[in-house]
């Protein structure tokens, strides 16, 4: 694994088509550093957070908010509570 240090607004270029930008570095209310990362990639290169990618690998389709959906209901069953 390549490990790099970057400052806010600095970039990393991968393969000429993917650009990762450090958008913001801040300290939250608990004293933890938070880094916001922007990713520019070609349309044919999917970009996922790791937990979403793992859910997709398990066959769970992602929701619009980036979280994993529960598995689809079996035909003839009703999901309503």
N, C-alpha and C. Protein backbone atom coordinates (compact mmCIF):
# COMPACT_ATOMS: atom_id res chain seq x y z
N UNK A 1 0.84 -1.17 0.00
CA UNK A 1 0.00 0.00 0.00
C UNK A 1 0.89 1.24 0.00
N UNK A 2 0.59 2.13 -0.88
CA UNK A 2 1.28 3.42 -0.94
C UNK A 2 0.60 4.37 0.05
N UNK A 3 1.36 4.98 0.93
CA UNK A 3 0.83 5.92 1.92
C UNK A 3 1.42 7.29 1.63
N UNK A 4 0.54 8.28 1.45
CA UNK A 4 0.97 9.64 1.12
C UNK A 4 0.42 10.63 2.12
N UNK A 5 1.13 11.71 2.32
CA UNK A 5 0.61 12.83 3.10
C UNK A 5 0.16 13.91 2.13
N UNK A 6 -0.97 14.51 2.41
CA UNK A 6 -1.50 15.59 1.60
C UNK A 6 -2.08 16.64 2.50
N UNK A 7 -2.04 17.88 2.06
CA UNK A 7 -2.66 18.99 2.77
C UNK A 7 -3.98 19.31 2.10
N UNK A 8 -4.78 20.14 2.76
CA UNK A 8 -6.05 20.54 2.18
C UNK A 8 -5.83 21.15 0.80
N UNK A 9 -6.69 20.80 -0.14
CA UNK A 9 -6.68 21.23 -1.54
C UNK A 9 -5.58 20.59 -2.38
N UNK A 10 -4.79 19.69 -1.81
CA UNK A 10 -3.80 18.96 -2.62
C UNK A 10 -4.47 17.73 -3.21
N UNK A 11 -3.85 17.21 -4.27
CA UNK A 11 -4.46 16.12 -5.04
C UNK A 11 -3.52 14.94 -5.21
N UNK A 12 -4.14 13.82 -5.51
CA UNK A 12 -3.44 12.60 -5.91
C UNK A 12 -4.06 12.16 -7.22
N UNK A 13 -3.24 11.82 -8.20
CA UNK A 13 -3.72 11.38 -9.51
C UNK A 13 -3.40 9.89 -9.66
N UNK A 14 -4.41 9.11 -10.04
CA UNK A 14 -4.25 7.67 -10.23
C UNK A 14 -4.52 7.34 -11.68
N UNK A 15 -3.51 6.80 -12.34
CA UNK A 15 -3.68 6.34 -13.71
C UNK A 15 -4.08 7.41 -14.71
N UNK A 16 -3.93 8.64 -14.37
CA UNK A 16 -4.25 9.72 -15.30
C UNK A 16 -5.73 10.04 -15.41
N UNK A 17 -6.63 9.15 -14.92
CA UNK A 17 -8.05 9.39 -15.07
C UNK A 17 -8.80 9.58 -13.77
N UNK A 18 -8.15 9.32 -12.65
CA UNK A 18 -8.80 9.45 -11.35
C UNK A 18 -8.02 10.47 -10.53
N UNK A 19 -8.74 11.46 -10.00
CA UNK A 19 -8.10 12.51 -9.19
C UNK A 19 -8.78 12.53 -7.83
N UNK A 20 -7.99 12.40 -6.79
CA UNK A 20 -8.48 12.46 -5.41
C UNK A 20 -8.01 13.79 -4.83
N UNK A 21 -8.95 14.58 -4.32
CA UNK A 21 -8.64 15.89 -3.75
C UNK A 21 -9.00 15.88 -2.27
N UNK A 22 -8.09 16.39 -1.44
CA UNK A 22 -8.39 16.59 -0.03
C UNK A 22 -9.18 17.89 0.06
N UNK A 23 -10.46 17.77 0.29
CA UNK A 23 -11.37 18.92 0.27
C UNK A 23 -11.32 19.69 1.58
N UNK A 24 -11.31 18.97 2.69
CA UNK A 24 -11.36 19.63 3.99
C UNK A 24 -10.75 18.74 5.06
N UNK A 25 -10.04 19.35 5.96
CA UNK A 25 -9.52 18.66 7.15
C UNK A 25 -9.99 19.48 8.34
N UNK A 26 -10.70 18.83 9.26
CA UNK A 26 -11.20 19.56 10.42
C UNK A 26 -11.14 18.66 11.65
N UNK A 27 -11.33 19.27 12.79
CA UNK A 27 -11.38 18.53 14.04
C UNK A 27 -12.81 18.63 14.56
N UNK A 28 -13.42 17.47 14.83
CA UNK A 28 -14.81 17.48 15.27
C UNK A 28 -14.92 17.80 16.76
N UNK A 29 -16.15 17.76 17.26
CA UNK A 29 -16.41 18.14 18.66
C UNK A 29 -15.76 17.20 19.67
N UNK A 30 -15.31 16.02 19.22
CA UNK A 30 -14.65 15.05 20.10
C UNK A 30 -13.13 15.10 19.98
N UNK A 31 -12.63 16.04 19.18
CA UNK A 31 -11.19 16.16 19.00
C UNK A 31 -10.62 15.23 17.95
N UNK A 32 -11.49 14.56 17.19
CA UNK A 32 -11.04 13.64 16.14
C UNK A 32 -10.89 14.38 14.82
N UNK A 33 -9.84 14.07 14.08
CA UNK A 33 -9.66 14.67 12.75
C UNK A 33 -10.61 14.01 11.77
N UNK A 34 -11.23 14.82 10.95
CA UNK A 34 -12.12 14.36 9.89
C UNK A 34 -11.59 14.90 8.57
N UNK A 35 -11.49 14.05 7.58
CA UNK A 35 -10.99 14.44 6.27
C UNK A 35 -12.09 14.21 5.25
N UNK A 36 -12.41 15.26 4.49
CA UNK A 36 -13.36 15.12 3.37
C UNK A 36 -12.54 14.97 2.11
N UNK A 37 -12.89 13.95 1.33
CA UNK A 37 -12.15 13.61 0.13
C UNK A 37 -13.09 13.72 -1.06
N UNK A 38 -12.64 14.39 -2.12
CA UNK A 38 -13.38 14.45 -3.37
C UNK A 38 -12.71 13.54 -4.38
N UNK A 39 -13.52 12.82 -5.16
CA UNK A 39 -12.99 11.88 -6.14
C UNK A 39 -13.59 12.19 -7.50
N UNK A 40 -12.73 12.50 -8.46
CA UNK A 40 -13.14 12.65 -9.86
C UNK A 40 -12.68 11.40 -10.58
N UNK A 41 -13.63 10.71 -11.20
CA UNK A 41 -13.31 9.48 -11.93
C UNK A 41 -14.17 9.42 -13.18
N UNK A 42 -13.69 8.71 -14.20
CA UNK A 42 -14.52 8.54 -15.41
C UNK A 42 -15.85 7.88 -15.06
N UNK A 43 -16.86 8.15 -15.87
CA UNK A 43 -18.20 7.60 -15.62
C UNK A 43 -18.22 6.08 -15.54
N UNK A 44 -17.30 5.42 -16.24
CA UNK A 44 -17.30 3.96 -16.25
C UNK A 44 -16.53 3.34 -15.08
N UNK A 45 -16.05 4.18 -14.15
CA UNK A 45 -15.33 3.69 -12.98
C UNK A 45 -16.21 3.93 -11.75
N UNK A 46 -16.80 2.87 -11.20
CA UNK A 46 -17.63 3.06 -10.01
C UNK A 46 -16.77 3.39 -8.80
N UNK A 47 -17.28 4.27 -7.94
CA UNK A 47 -16.58 4.66 -6.72
C UNK A 47 -17.55 4.45 -5.56
N UNK A 48 -17.16 3.64 -4.59
CA UNK A 48 -18.00 3.32 -3.44
C UNK A 48 -17.22 3.49 -2.15
N UNK A 49 -17.93 3.82 -1.08
CA UNK A 49 -17.36 3.66 0.26
C UNK A 49 -17.23 2.16 0.50
N UNK A 50 -16.28 1.76 1.31
CA UNK A 50 -16.02 0.33 1.49
C UNK A 50 -17.25 -0.43 1.98
N UNK A 51 -17.99 0.12 2.94
CA UNK A 51 -19.14 -0.62 3.47
C UNK A 51 -20.24 -0.80 2.43
N UNK A 52 -20.39 0.16 1.53
CA UNK A 52 -21.37 0.02 0.44
C UNK A 52 -20.89 -1.04 -0.55
N UNK A 53 -19.60 -1.01 -0.89
CA UNK A 53 -19.04 -2.01 -1.81
C UNK A 53 -19.22 -3.41 -1.24
N UNK A 54 -18.98 -3.59 0.05
CA UNK A 54 -19.14 -4.90 0.67
C UNK A 54 -20.59 -5.37 0.62
N UNK A 55 -21.53 -4.44 0.84
CA UNK A 55 -22.95 -4.79 0.75
C UNK A 55 -23.32 -5.22 -0.67
N UNK A 56 -22.78 -4.52 -1.65
CA UNK A 56 -23.03 -4.89 -3.05
C UNK A 56 -22.46 -6.28 -3.33
N UNK A 57 -21.27 -6.55 -2.81
CA UNK A 57 -20.65 -7.87 -3.00
C UNK A 57 -21.52 -8.97 -2.39
N UNK A 58 -22.24 -8.65 -1.31
CA UNK A 58 -23.15 -9.62 -0.68
C UNK A 58 -24.47 -9.72 -1.43
N UNK A 59 -24.63 -8.90 -2.47
CA UNK A 59 -25.85 -8.95 -3.27
C UNK A 59 -26.92 -7.98 -2.81
N UNK A 60 -26.57 -7.06 -1.92
CA UNK A 60 -27.53 -6.08 -1.44
C UNK A 60 -27.41 -4.81 -2.28
N UNK A 61 -28.47 -4.41 -2.98
CA UNK A 61 -28.37 -3.20 -3.82
C UNK A 61 -28.26 -1.95 -2.96
N UNK A 62 -27.50 -0.94 -3.40
CA UNK A 62 -27.37 0.29 -2.61
C UNK A 62 -28.63 1.14 -2.69
N UNK A 63 -28.91 1.90 -1.63
CA UNK A 63 -29.99 2.87 -1.65
C UNK A 63 -29.45 4.18 -2.19
N UNK A 64 -30.34 5.11 -2.47
CA UNK A 64 -29.91 6.42 -2.97
C UNK A 64 -29.04 7.17 -1.96
N UNK A 65 -29.26 6.91 -0.66
CA UNK A 65 -28.48 7.61 0.34
C UNK A 65 -27.13 6.94 0.60
N UNK A 66 -26.80 5.91 -0.18
CA UNK A 66 -25.50 5.26 -0.07
C UNK A 66 -25.46 4.10 0.90
N UNK A 67 -26.54 3.84 1.59
CA UNK A 67 -26.59 2.70 2.50
C UNK A 67 -27.09 1.48 1.77
N UNK A 68 -26.88 0.33 2.34
CA UNK A 68 -27.34 -0.91 1.70
C UNK A 68 -28.82 -1.13 1.98
N UNK A 69 -29.53 -1.62 1.00
CA UNK A 69 -30.93 -1.99 1.16
C UNK A 69 -31.03 -3.39 1.75
N UNK A 70 -32.12 -3.69 2.43
CA UNK A 70 -32.32 -5.08 2.84
C UNK A 70 -32.56 -5.93 1.61
N UNK A 71 -32.31 -7.23 1.69
CA UNK A 71 -32.54 -8.09 0.52
C UNK A 71 -33.99 -7.98 0.06
N UNK A 72 -34.24 -8.18 -1.23
CA UNK A 72 -35.61 -8.07 -1.74
C UNK A 72 -36.50 -9.14 -1.12
N UNK A 73 -37.79 -8.80 -0.96
CA UNK A 73 -38.75 -9.75 -0.42
C UNK A 73 -38.96 -10.88 -1.41
N UNK A 74 -39.24 -12.05 -0.89
CA UNK A 74 -39.53 -13.19 -1.77
C UNK A 74 -40.89 -12.95 -2.42
N UNK A 75 -41.07 -13.44 -3.65
CA UNK A 75 -42.36 -13.27 -4.31
C UNK A 75 -43.50 -13.82 -3.45
N UNK A 76 -44.61 -13.07 -3.39
CA UNK A 76 -45.76 -13.50 -2.64
C UNK A 76 -45.72 -13.12 -1.16
N UNK A 77 -44.67 -12.44 -0.73
CA UNK A 77 -44.62 -12.00 0.67
C UNK A 77 -44.82 -10.50 0.73
N UNK A 78 -45.24 -10.02 1.87
CA UNK A 78 -45.49 -8.60 2.05
C UNK A 78 -44.55 -8.07 3.11
N UNK A 79 -43.83 -6.98 2.81
CA UNK A 79 -42.88 -6.40 3.76
C UNK A 79 -43.54 -5.47 4.77
N UNK A 80 -44.75 -5.07 4.52
CA UNK A 80 -45.40 -4.11 5.41
C UNK A 80 -45.59 -4.74 6.78
N UNK A 81 -45.33 -3.90 7.84
CA UNK A 81 -45.39 -4.35 9.21
C UNK A 81 -46.75 -4.71 9.62
